[in-house]
PDB file of N, CA and C in Angstrom:
ATOM      1  N   UNK A   1     -60.482  32.746 -65.376  1.00  0.00           N
ATOM      2  CA  UNK A   1     -61.620  33.614 -65.124  1.00  0.00           C
ATOM      3  C   UNK A   1     -62.605  33.497 -66.289  1.00  0.00           C
ATOM      4  N   UNK A   2     -63.859  33.659 -65.978  1.00  0.00           N
ATOM      5  CA  UNK A   2     -64.914  33.571 -66.980  1.00  0.00           C
ATOM      6  C   UNK A   2     -64.787  34.725 -67.971  1.00  0.00           C
ATOM      7  N   UNK A   3     -65.091  34.450 -69.233  1.00  0.00           N
ATOM      8  CA  UNK A   3     -65.066  35.528 -70.214  1.00  0.00           C
ATOM      9  C   UNK A   3     -66.257  36.453 -69.971  1.00  0.00           C
ATOM     10  N   UNK A   4     -66.056  37.707 -70.261  1.00  0.00           N
ATOM     11  CA  UNK A   4     -67.111  38.695 -70.052  1.00  0.00           C
ATOM     12  C   UNK A   4     -67.983  38.761 -71.306  1.00  0.00           C
ATOM     13  N   UNK A   5     -68.839  37.762 -71.462  1.00  0.00           N
ATOM     14  CA  UNK A   5     -69.753  37.773 -72.601  1.00  0.00           C
ATOM     15  C   UNK A   5     -71.052  38.466 -72.190  1.00  0.00           C
ATOM     16  N   UNK A   6     -71.933  38.653 -73.122  1.00  0.00           N
ATOM     17  CA  UNK A   6     -73.169  39.386 -72.850  1.00  0.00           C
ATOM     18  C   UNK A   6     -74.007  38.736 -71.751  1.00  0.00           C
ATOM     19  N   UNK A   7     -74.052  37.423 -71.750  1.00  0.00           N
ATOM     20  CA  UNK A   7     -74.863  36.743 -70.734  1.00  0.00           C
ATOM     21  C   UNK A   7     -74.295  36.947 -69.337  1.00  0.00           C
ATOM     22  N   UNK A   8     -72.991  36.757 -69.184  1.00  0.00           N
ATOM     23  CA  UNK A   8     -72.400  36.928 -67.853  1.00  0.00           C
ATOM     24  C   UNK A   8     -72.498  38.383 -67.397  1.00  0.00           C
ATOM     25  N   UNK A   9     -72.353  39.332 -68.313  1.00  0.00           N
ATOM     26  CA  UNK A   9     -72.501  40.739 -67.941  1.00  0.00           C
ATOM     27  C   UNK A   9     -73.930  41.062 -67.532  1.00  0.00           C
ATOM     28  N   UNK A  10     -74.902  40.464 -68.208  1.00  0.00           N
ATOM     29  CA  UNK A  10     -76.309  40.664 -67.828  1.00  0.00           C
ATOM     30  C   UNK A  10     -76.559  40.113 -66.427  1.00  0.00           C
ATOM     31  N   UNK A  11     -75.959  38.979 -66.107  1.00  0.00           N
ATOM     32  CA  UNK A  11     -76.100  38.404 -64.774  1.00  0.00           C
ATOM     33  C   UNK A  11     -75.466  39.317 -63.736  1.00  0.00           C
ATOM     34  N   UNK A  12     -74.299  39.848 -64.037  1.00  0.00           N
ATOM     35  CA  UNK A  12     -73.634  40.759 -63.107  1.00  0.00           C
ATOM     36  C   UNK A  12     -74.458  42.033 -62.909  1.00  0.00           C
ATOM     37  N   UNK A  13     -75.058  42.545 -63.973  1.00  0.00           N
ATOM     38  CA  UNK A  13     -75.905  43.732 -63.841  1.00  0.00           C
ATOM     39  C   UNK A  13     -77.120  43.445 -62.959  1.00  0.00           C
ATOM     40  N   UNK A  14     -77.702  42.253 -63.095  1.00  0.00           N
ATOM     41  CA  UNK A  14     -78.852  41.882 -62.258  1.00  0.00           C
ATOM     42  C   UNK A  14     -78.443  41.808 -60.789  1.00  0.00           C
ATOM     43  N   UNK A  15     -77.282  41.256 -60.525  1.00  0.00           N
ATOM     44  CA  UNK A  15     -76.782  41.194 -59.149  1.00  0.00           C
ATOM     45  C   UNK A  15     -76.544  42.617 -58.638  1.00  0.00           C
ATOM     46  N   UNK A  16     -75.908  43.448 -59.447  1.00  0.00           N
ATOM     47  CA  UNK A  16     -75.602  44.827 -59.041  1.00  0.00           C
ATOM     48  C   UNK A  16     -76.868  45.621 -58.732  1.00  0.00           C
ATOM     49  N   UNK A  17     -77.951  45.318 -59.427  1.00  0.00           N
ATOM     50  CA  UNK A  17     -79.195  46.067 -59.222  1.00  0.00           C
ATOM     51  C   UNK A  17     -80.032  45.524 -58.064  1.00  0.00           C
ATOM     52  N   UNK A  18     -79.536  44.469 -57.401  1.00  0.00           N
ATOM     53  CA  UNK A  18     -80.248  43.918 -56.251  1.00  0.00           C
ATOM     54  C   UNK A  18     -81.385  42.980 -56.609  1.00  0.00           C
ATOM     55  N   UNK A  19     -81.389  42.459 -57.829  1.00  0.00           N
ATOM     56  CA  UNK A  19     -82.473  41.592 -58.294  1.00  0.00           C
ATOM     57  C   UNK A  19     -82.149  40.108 -58.183  1.00  0.00           C
ATOM     58  N   UNK A  20     -81.004  39.755 -57.608  1.00  0.00           N
ATOM     59  CA  UNK A  20     -80.550  38.370 -57.638  1.00  0.00           C
ATOM     60  C   UNK A  20     -80.391  37.769 -56.244  1.00  0.00           C
ATOM     61  N   UNK A  21     -80.581  36.444 -56.200  1.00  0.00           N
ATOM     62  CA  UNK A  21     -80.351  35.657 -54.996  1.00  0.00           C
ATOM     63  C   UNK A  21     -79.478  34.470 -55.376  1.00  0.00           C
ATOM     64  N   UNK A  22     -78.717  33.987 -54.396  1.00  0.00           N
ATOM     65  CA  UNK A  22     -77.918  32.772 -54.544  1.00  0.00           C
ATOM     66  C   UNK A  22     -78.362  31.759 -53.501  1.00  0.00           C
ATOM     67  N   UNK A  23     -78.286  30.478 -53.861  1.00  0.00           N
ATOM     68  CA  UNK A  23     -78.491  29.447 -52.856  1.00  0.00           C
ATOM     69  C   UNK A  23     -77.158  29.216 -52.151  1.00  0.00           C
ATOM     70  N   UNK A  24     -77.220  28.905 -50.887  1.00  0.00           N
ATOM     71  CA  UNK A  24     -76.019  28.627 -50.102  1.00  0.00           C
ATOM     72  C   UNK A  24     -75.637  27.168 -50.307  1.00  0.00           C
ATOM     73  N   UNK A  25     -74.628  26.946 -51.116  1.00  0.00           N
ATOM     74  CA  UNK A  25     -74.135  25.598 -51.380  1.00  0.00           C
ATOM     75  C   UNK A  25     -72.782  25.690 -52.061  1.00  0.00           C
ATOM     76  N   UNK A  26     -72.137  24.559 -52.254  1.00  0.00           N
ATOM     77  CA  UNK A  26     -70.845  24.554 -52.942  1.00  0.00           C
ATOM     78  C   UNK A  26     -71.008  24.872 -54.422  1.00  0.00           C
ATOM     79  N   UNK A  27     -72.186  24.648 -54.979  1.00  0.00           N
ATOM     80  CA  UNK A  27     -72.526  25.020 -56.357  1.00  0.00           C
ATOM     81  C   UNK A  27     -73.748  25.927 -56.293  1.00  0.00           C
ATOM     82  N   UNK A  28     -73.552  27.208 -55.948  1.00  0.00           N
ATOM     83  CA  UNK A  28     -74.686  28.103 -55.719  1.00  0.00           C
ATOM     84  C   UNK A  28     -75.478  28.374 -56.996  1.00  0.00           C
ATOM     85  N   UNK A  29     -76.779  28.216 -56.903  1.00  0.00           N
ATOM     86  CA  UNK A  29     -77.663  28.515 -58.019  1.00  0.00           C
ATOM     87  C   UNK A  29     -78.083  29.972 -57.929  1.00  0.00           C
ATOM     88  N   UNK A  30     -78.233  30.601 -59.084  1.00  0.00           N
ATOM     89  CA  UNK A  30     -78.591  32.010 -59.165  1.00  0.00           C
ATOM     90  C   UNK A  30     -80.054  32.148 -59.561  1.00  0.00           C
ATOM     91  N   UNK A  31     -80.759  33.013 -58.851  1.00  0.00           N
ATOM     92  CA  UNK A  31     -82.150  33.336 -59.158  1.00  0.00           C
ATOM     93  C   UNK A  31     -82.214  34.835 -59.439  1.00  0.00           C
ATOM     94  N   UNK A  32     -82.883  35.198 -60.515  1.00  0.00           N
ATOM     95  CA  UNK A  32     -83.061  36.612 -60.860  1.00  0.00           C
ATOM     96  C   UNK A  32     -84.549  36.901 -60.884  1.00  0.00           C
ATOM     97  N   UNK A  33     -84.959  37.887 -60.125  1.00  0.00           N
ATOM     98  CA  UNK A  33     -86.381  38.223 -59.983  1.00  0.00           C
ATOM     99  C   UNK A  33     -87.195  36.999 -59.549  1.00  0.00           C
ATOM    100  N   UNK A  34     -86.580  36.150 -58.724  1.00  0.00           N
ATOM    101  CA  UNK A  34     -87.251  34.972 -58.189  1.00  0.00           C
ATOM    102  C   UNK A  34     -87.308  33.775 -59.124  1.00  0.00           C
ATOM    103  N   UNK A  35     -86.737  33.908 -60.317  1.00  0.00           N
ATOM    104  CA  UNK A  35     -86.774  32.841 -61.322  1.00  0.00           C
ATOM    105  C   UNK A  35     -85.379  32.243 -61.453  1.00  0.00           C
ATOM    106  N   UNK A  36     -85.265  30.898 -61.509  1.00  0.00           N
ATOM    107  CA  UNK A  36     -83.944  30.295 -61.680  1.00  0.00           C
ATOM    108  C   UNK A  36     -83.293  30.774 -62.975  1.00  0.00           C
ATOM    109  N   UNK A  37     -82.042  31.134 -62.891  1.00  0.00           N
ATOM    110  CA  UNK A  37     -81.293  31.569 -64.062  1.00  0.00           C
ATOM    111  C   UNK A  37     -81.190  30.408 -65.056  1.00  0.00           C
ATOM    112  N   UNK A  38     -81.288  30.717 -66.337  1.00  0.00           N
ATOM    113  CA  UNK A  38     -81.289  29.661 -67.364  1.00  0.00           C
ATOM    114  C   UNK A  38     -79.902  29.077 -67.601  1.00  0.00           C
ATOM    115  N   UNK A  39     -78.846  29.733 -67.134  1.00  0.00           N
ATOM    116  CA  UNK A  39     -77.482  29.254 -67.368  1.00  0.00           C
ATOM    117  C   UNK A  39     -76.764  29.112 -66.031  1.00  0.00           C
ATOM    118  N   UNK A  40     -77.057  28.019 -65.346  1.00  0.00           N
ATOM    119  CA  UNK A  40     -76.445  27.802 -64.034  1.00  0.00           C
ATOM    120  C   UNK A  40     -74.949  27.527 -64.145  1.00  0.00           C
ATOM    121  N   UNK A  41     -74.482  27.012 -65.276  1.00  0.00           N
ATOM    122  CA  UNK A  41     -73.041  26.807 -65.461  1.00  0.00           C
ATOM    123  C   UNK A  41     -72.316  28.149 -65.323  1.00  0.00           C
ATOM    124  N   UNK A  42     -72.830  29.180 -65.989  1.00  0.00           N
ATOM    125  CA  UNK A  42     -72.220  30.503 -65.898  1.00  0.00           C
ATOM    126  C   UNK A  42     -72.391  31.081 -64.497  1.00  0.00           C
ATOM    127  N   UNK A  43     -73.543  30.860 -63.885  1.00  0.00           N
ATOM    128  CA  UNK A  43     -73.768  31.331 -62.518  1.00  0.00           C
ATOM    129  C   UNK A  43     -72.744  30.713 -61.570  1.00  0.00           C
ATOM    130  N   UNK A  44     -72.496  29.416 -61.716  1.00  0.00           N
ATOM    131  CA  UNK A  44     -71.499  28.757 -60.869  1.00  0.00           C
ATOM    132  C   UNK A  44     -70.119  29.353 -61.123  1.00  0.00           C
ATOM    133  N   UNK A  45     -69.802  29.596 -62.395  1.00  0.00           N
ATOM    134  CA  UNK A  45     -68.497  30.160 -62.744  1.00  0.00           C
ATOM    135  C   UNK A  45     -68.330  31.560 -62.157  1.00  0.00           C
ATOM    136  N   UNK A  46     -69.375  32.387 -62.208  1.00  0.00           N
ATOM    137  CA  UNK A  46     -69.290  33.728 -61.621  1.00  0.00           C
ATOM    138  C   UNK A  46     -68.982  33.645 -60.130  1.00  0.00           C
ATOM    139  N   UNK A  47     -69.581  32.680 -59.462  1.00  0.00           N
ATOM    140  CA  UNK A  47     -69.339  32.494 -58.037  1.00  0.00           C
ATOM    141  C   UNK A  47     -67.934  31.953 -57.788  1.00  0.00           C
ATOM    142  N   UNK A  48     -67.560  30.899 -58.486  1.00  0.00           N
ATOM    143  CA  UNK A  48     -66.254  30.277 -58.272  1.00  0.00           C
ATOM    144  C   UNK A  48     -65.105  31.201 -58.675  1.00  0.00           C
ATOM    145  N   UNK A  49     -65.356  32.090 -59.653  1.00  0.00           N
ATOM    146  CA  UNK A  49     -64.327  33.038 -60.084  1.00  0.00           C
ATOM    147  C   UNK A  49     -64.264  34.264 -59.182  1.00  0.00           C
ATOM    148  N   UNK A  50     -65.114  34.300 -58.156  1.00  0.00           N
ATOM    149  CA  UNK A  50     -65.061  35.378 -57.191  1.00  0.00           C
ATOM    150  C   UNK A  50     -65.663  36.687 -57.667  1.00  0.00           C
ATOM    151  N   UNK A  51     -66.661  36.627 -58.551  1.00  0.00           N
ATOM    152  CA  UNK A  51     -67.307  37.836 -59.053  1.00  0.00           C
ATOM    153  C   UNK A  51     -68.604  38.149 -58.316  1.00  0.00           C
ATOM    154  N   UNK A  52     -69.279  37.105 -57.815  1.00  0.00           N
ATOM    155  CA  UNK A  52     -70.493  37.269 -57.021  1.00  0.00           C
ATOM    156  C   UNK A  52     -70.370  36.403 -55.770  1.00  0.00           C
ATOM    157  N   UNK A  53     -71.162  36.757 -54.760  1.00  0.00           N
ATOM    158  CA  UNK A  53     -71.145  35.983 -53.511  1.00  0.00           C
ATOM    159  C   UNK A  53     -72.462  36.235 -52.776  1.00  0.00           C
ATOM    160  N   UNK A  54     -72.767  35.380 -51.807  1.00  0.00           N
ATOM    161  CA  UNK A  54     -73.932  35.651 -50.965  1.00  0.00           C
ATOM    162  C   UNK A  54     -73.686  36.928 -50.158  1.00  0.00           C
ATOM    163  N   UNK A  55     -74.713  37.733 -50.006  1.00  0.00           N
ATOM    164  CA  UNK A  55     -74.582  38.984 -49.255  1.00  0.00           C
ATOM    165  C   UNK A  55     -74.583  38.756 -47.750  1.00  0.00           C
ATOM    166  N   UNK A  56     -74.950  37.560 -47.326  1.00  0.00           N
ATOM    167  CA  UNK A  56     -74.983  37.248 -45.903  1.00  0.00           C
ATOM    168  C   UNK A  56     -75.047  35.753 -45.697  1.00  0.00           C
ATOM    169  N   UNK A  57     -75.036  35.322 -44.454  1.00  0.00           N
ATOM    170  CA  UNK A  57     -75.080  33.889 -44.166  1.00  0.00           C
ATOM    171  C   UNK A  57     -76.454  33.304 -44.432  1.00  0.00           C
ATOM    172  N   UNK A  58     -76.467  31.992 -44.615  1.00  0.00           N
ATOM    173  CA  UNK A  58     -77.716  31.262 -44.797  1.00  0.00           C
ATOM    174  C   UNK A  58     -77.466  29.783 -44.624  1.00  0.00           C
ATOM    175  N   UNK A  59     -78.533  29.053 -44.397  1.00  0.00           N
ATOM    176  CA  UNK A  59     -78.428  27.609 -44.264  1.00  0.00           C
ATOM    177  C   UNK A  59     -78.237  26.950 -45.620  1.00  0.00           C
ATOM    178  N   UNK A  60     -77.757  25.734 -45.608  1.00  0.00           N
ATOM    179  CA  UNK A  60     -77.531  24.999 -46.852  1.00  0.00           C
ATOM    180  C   UNK A  60     -78.814  24.950 -47.668  1.00  0.00           C
ATOM    181  N   UNK A  61     -78.709  25.389 -48.921  1.00  0.00           N
ATOM    182  CA  UNK A  61     -79.842  25.387 -49.837  1.00  0.00           C
ATOM    183  C   UNK A  61     -80.737  26.613 -49.736  1.00  0.00           C
ATOM    184  N   UNK A  62     -80.554  27.423 -48.715  1.00  0.00           N
ATOM    185  CA  UNK A  62     -81.374  28.629 -48.533  1.00  0.00           C
ATOM    186  C   UNK A  62     -80.955  29.699 -49.534  1.00  0.00           C
ATOM    187  N   UNK A  63     -81.933  30.453 -50.042  1.00  0.00           N
ATOM    188  CA  UNK A  63     -81.649  31.588 -50.920  1.00  0.00           C
ATOM    189  C   UNK A  63     -81.359  32.823 -50.080  1.00  0.00           C
ATOM    190  N   UNK A  64     -80.297  33.519 -50.459  1.00  0.00           N
ATOM    191  CA  UNK A  64     -79.940  34.777 -49.812  1.00  0.00           C
ATOM    192  C   UNK A  64     -79.634  35.794 -50.917  1.00  0.00           C
ATOM    193  N   UNK A  65     -79.726  37.075 -50.609  1.00  0.00           N
ATOM    194  CA  UNK A  65     -79.385  38.078 -51.625  1.00  0.00           C
ATOM    195  C   UNK A  65     -77.953  37.871 -52.127  1.00  0.00           C
ATOM    196  N   UNK A  66     -77.755  38.127 -53.410  1.00  0.00           N
ATOM    197  CA  UNK A  66     -76.427  38.045 -54.008  1.00  0.00           C
ATOM    198  C   UNK A  66     -75.837  39.445 -54.101  1.00  0.00           C
ATOM    199  N   UNK A  67     -74.521  39.526 -54.074  1.00  0.00           N
ATOM    200  CA  UNK A  67     -73.842  40.800 -54.252  1.00  0.00           C
ATOM    201  C   UNK A  67     -72.596  40.602 -55.091  1.00  0.00           C
ATOM    202  N   UNK A  68     -72.161  41.691 -55.716  1.00  0.00           N
ATOM    203  CA  UNK A  68     -70.911  41.662 -56.461  1.00  0.00           C
ATOM    204  C   UNK A  68     -69.745  41.757 -55.494  1.00  0.00           C
ATOM    205  N   UNK A  69     -68.670  41.092 -55.824  1.00  0.00           N
ATOM    206  CA  UNK A  69     -67.421  41.285 -55.099  1.00  0.00           C
ATOM    207  C   UNK A  69     -66.739  42.516 -55.709  1.00  0.00           C
ATOM    208  N   UNK A  70     -65.665  42.949 -55.123  1.00  0.00           N
ATOM    209  CA  UNK A  70     -64.904  44.067 -55.691  1.00  0.00           C
ATOM    210  C   UNK A  70     -64.445  43.719 -57.111  1.00  0.00           C
ATOM    211  N   UNK A  71     -63.997  42.495 -57.316  1.00  0.00           N
ATOM    212  CA  UNK A  71     -63.570  42.054 -58.645  1.00  0.00           C
ATOM    213  C   UNK A  71     -64.728  42.095 -59.622  1.00  0.00           C
ATOM    214  N   UNK A  72     -65.897  41.669 -59.191  1.00  0.00           N
ATOM    215  CA  UNK A  72     -67.080  41.711 -60.043  1.00  0.00           C
ATOM    216  C   UNK A  72     -67.462  43.133 -60.415  1.00  0.00           C
ATOM    217  N   UNK A  73     -67.384  44.050 -59.442  1.00  0.00           N
ATOM    218  CA  UNK A  73     -67.682  45.465 -59.718  1.00  0.00           C
ATOM    219  C   UNK A  73     -66.689  46.040 -60.719  1.00  0.00           C
ATOM    220  N   UNK A  74     -65.416  45.707 -60.545  1.00  0.00           N
ATOM    221  CA  UNK A  74     -64.382  46.209 -61.458  1.00  0.00           C
ATOM    222  C   UNK A  74     -64.606  45.691 -62.876  1.00  0.00           C
ATOM    223  N   UNK A  75     -64.915  44.398 -62.999  1.00  0.00           N
ATOM    224  CA  UNK A  75     -65.160  43.828 -64.323  1.00  0.00           C
ATOM    225  C   UNK A  75     -66.359  44.493 -64.980  1.00  0.00           C
ATOM    226  N   UNK A  76     -67.441  44.641 -64.248  1.00  0.00           N
ATOM    227  CA  UNK A  76     -68.646  45.243 -64.790  1.00  0.00           C
ATOM    228  C   UNK A  76     -68.380  46.698 -65.200  1.00  0.00           C
ATOM    229  N   UNK A  77     -67.699  47.454 -64.368  1.00  0.00           N
ATOM    230  CA  UNK A  77     -67.385  48.847 -64.673  1.00  0.00           C
ATOM    231  C   UNK A  77     -66.500  48.952 -65.908  1.00  0.00           C
ATOM    232  N   UNK A  78     -65.487  48.099 -65.987  1.00  0.00           N
ATOM    233  CA  UNK A  78     -64.574  48.100 -67.136  1.00  0.00           C
ATOM    234  C   UNK A  78     -65.312  47.767 -68.430  1.00  0.00           C
ATOM    235  N   UNK A  79     -66.163  46.740 -68.374  1.00  0.00           N
ATOM    236  CA  UNK A  79     -66.887  46.314 -69.580  1.00  0.00           C
ATOM    237  C   UNK A  79     -67.902  47.358 -70.019  1.00  0.00           C
ATOM    238  N   UNK A  80     -68.553  48.033 -69.078  1.00  0.00           N
ATOM    239  CA  UNK A  80     -69.510  49.069 -69.427  1.00  0.00           C
ATOM    240  C   UNK A  80     -68.801  50.275 -70.037  1.00  0.00           C
ATOM    241  N   UNK A  81     -67.589  50.559 -69.585  1.00  0.00           N
ATOM    242  CA  UNK A  81     -66.832  51.676 -70.129  1.00  0.00           C
ATOM    243  C   UNK A  81     -66.381  51.399 -71.570  1.00  0.00           C
ATOM    244  N   UNK A  82     -66.129  50.133 -71.884  1.00  0.00           N
ATOM    245  CA  UNK A  82     -65.697  49.742 -73.222  1.00  0.00           C
ATOM    246  C   UNK A  82     -66.863  49.801 -74.208  1.00  0.00           C
ATOM    247  N   UNK A  83     -68.063  49.482 -73.725  1.00  0.00           N
ATOM    248  CA  UNK A  83     -69.241  49.403 -74.612  1.00  0.00           C
ATOM    249  C   UNK A  83     -69.685  50.733 -75.134  1.00  0.00           C
TER     250      UNK A  83
END
Protein backbone atom coordinates (compact mmCIF):
# COMPACT_ATOMS: atom_id res chain seq x y z
CA UNK A 1 0.00 0.00 0.00
CA UNK A 2 1.12 3.54 -0.70
CA UNK A 3 2.58 5.47 2.22
CA UNK A 4 0.36 8.21 3.56
CA UNK A 5 2.63 11.15 2.83
CA UNK A 6 1.49 14.75 2.56
CA UNK A 7 1.11 14.63 -1.21
CA UNK A 8 -1.02 11.49 -1.27
CA UNK A 9 -3.17 12.83 1.58
CA UNK A 10 -3.68 16.10 -0.31
CA UNK A 11 -4.80 14.09 -3.34
CA UNK A 12 -7.21 12.08 -1.21
CA UNK A 13 -8.62 15.29 0.30
CA UNK A 14 -9.18 16.70 -3.20
CA UNK A 15 -11.03 13.55 -4.21
CA UNK A 16 -13.09 13.64 -0.99
CA UNK A 17 -14.09 17.25 -1.66
CA UNK A 18 -15.36 16.41 -5.16
CA UNK A 19 -12.64 18.35 -6.98
CA UNK A 20 -11.06 15.40 -8.80
CA UNK A 21 -11.59 13.40 -11.98
CA UNK A 22 -9.99 10.19 -13.22
CA UNK A 23 -9.49 9.02 -16.77
CA UNK A 24 -10.94 5.59 -17.52
CA UNK A 25 -7.92 3.44 -18.31
CA UNK A 26 -5.66 0.78 -16.82
CA UNK A 27 -3.38 3.64 -15.65
CA UNK A 28 -5.95 6.29 -14.65
CA UNK A 29 -4.69 9.86 -14.65
CA UNK A 30 -5.91 12.20 -11.93
CA UNK A 31 -7.11 15.74 -12.60
CA UNK A 32 -7.75 18.20 -9.77
CA UNK A 33 -9.79 21.31 -10.53
CA UNK A 34 -9.45 20.38 -14.22
CA UNK A 35 -5.64 20.41 -14.12
CA UNK A 36 -3.53 17.25 -14.53
CA UNK A 37 -2.03 16.20 -11.22
CA UNK A 38 1.74 16.77 -11.10
CA UNK A 39 2.43 13.31 -9.62
CA UNK A 40 0.71 10.73 -11.79
CA UNK A 41 2.85 7.95 -10.27
CA UNK A 42 1.16 8.57 -6.92
CA UNK A 43 -2.23 8.97 -8.61
CA UNK A 44 -1.80 5.56 -10.25
CA UNK A 45 -0.74 4.06 -6.92
CA UNK A 46 -3.81 5.49 -5.14
CA UNK A 47 -5.99 3.84 -7.78
CA UNK A 48 -4.14 0.52 -7.88
CA UNK A 49 -4.05 0.37 -4.06
CA UNK A 50 -7.83 0.71 -4.01
CA UNK A 51 -8.02 4.14 -2.35
CA UNK A 52 -9.71 6.02 -5.22
CA UNK A 53 -11.87 4.91 -8.13
CA UNK A 54 -14.07 6.32 -10.88
CA UNK A 55 -17.45 7.34 -9.49
CA UNK A 56 -19.20 5.93 -12.55
CA UNK A 57 -18.66 4.31 -15.93
CA UNK A 58 -16.94 6.01 -18.83
CA UNK A 59 -15.34 5.27 -22.15
CA UNK A 60 -11.63 4.58 -22.47
CA UNK A 61 -9.73 7.81 -21.86
CA UNK A 62 -12.84 9.72 -20.76
CA UNK A 63 -12.67 11.77 -17.55
CA UNK A 64 -15.21 10.89 -14.88
CA UNK A 65 -15.60 12.11 -11.30
CA UNK A 66 -13.30 10.37 -8.82
CA UNK A 67 -14.40 9.08 -5.44
CA UNK A 68 -12.76 7.58 -2.38
CA UNK A 69 -13.22 3.91 -1.68
CA UNK A 70 -14.06 2.81 1.86
CA UNK A 71 -10.35 2.07 2.37
CA UNK A 72 -9.45 5.54 1.13
CA UNK A 73 -11.96 7.15 3.50
CA UNK A 74 -10.59 5.12 6.42
CA UNK A 75 -7.00 6.08 5.62
CA UNK A 76 -7.86 9.75 5.27
CA UNK A 77 -9.90 9.76 8.50
CA UNK A 78 -7.14 7.95 10.41
CA UNK A 79 -4.41 10.28 9.15
CA UNK A 80 -6.45 13.41 9.91
CA UNK A 81 -7.08 12.15 13.44
CA UNK A 82 -3.33 11.65 13.98
CA UNK A 83 -2.44 15.15 12.72
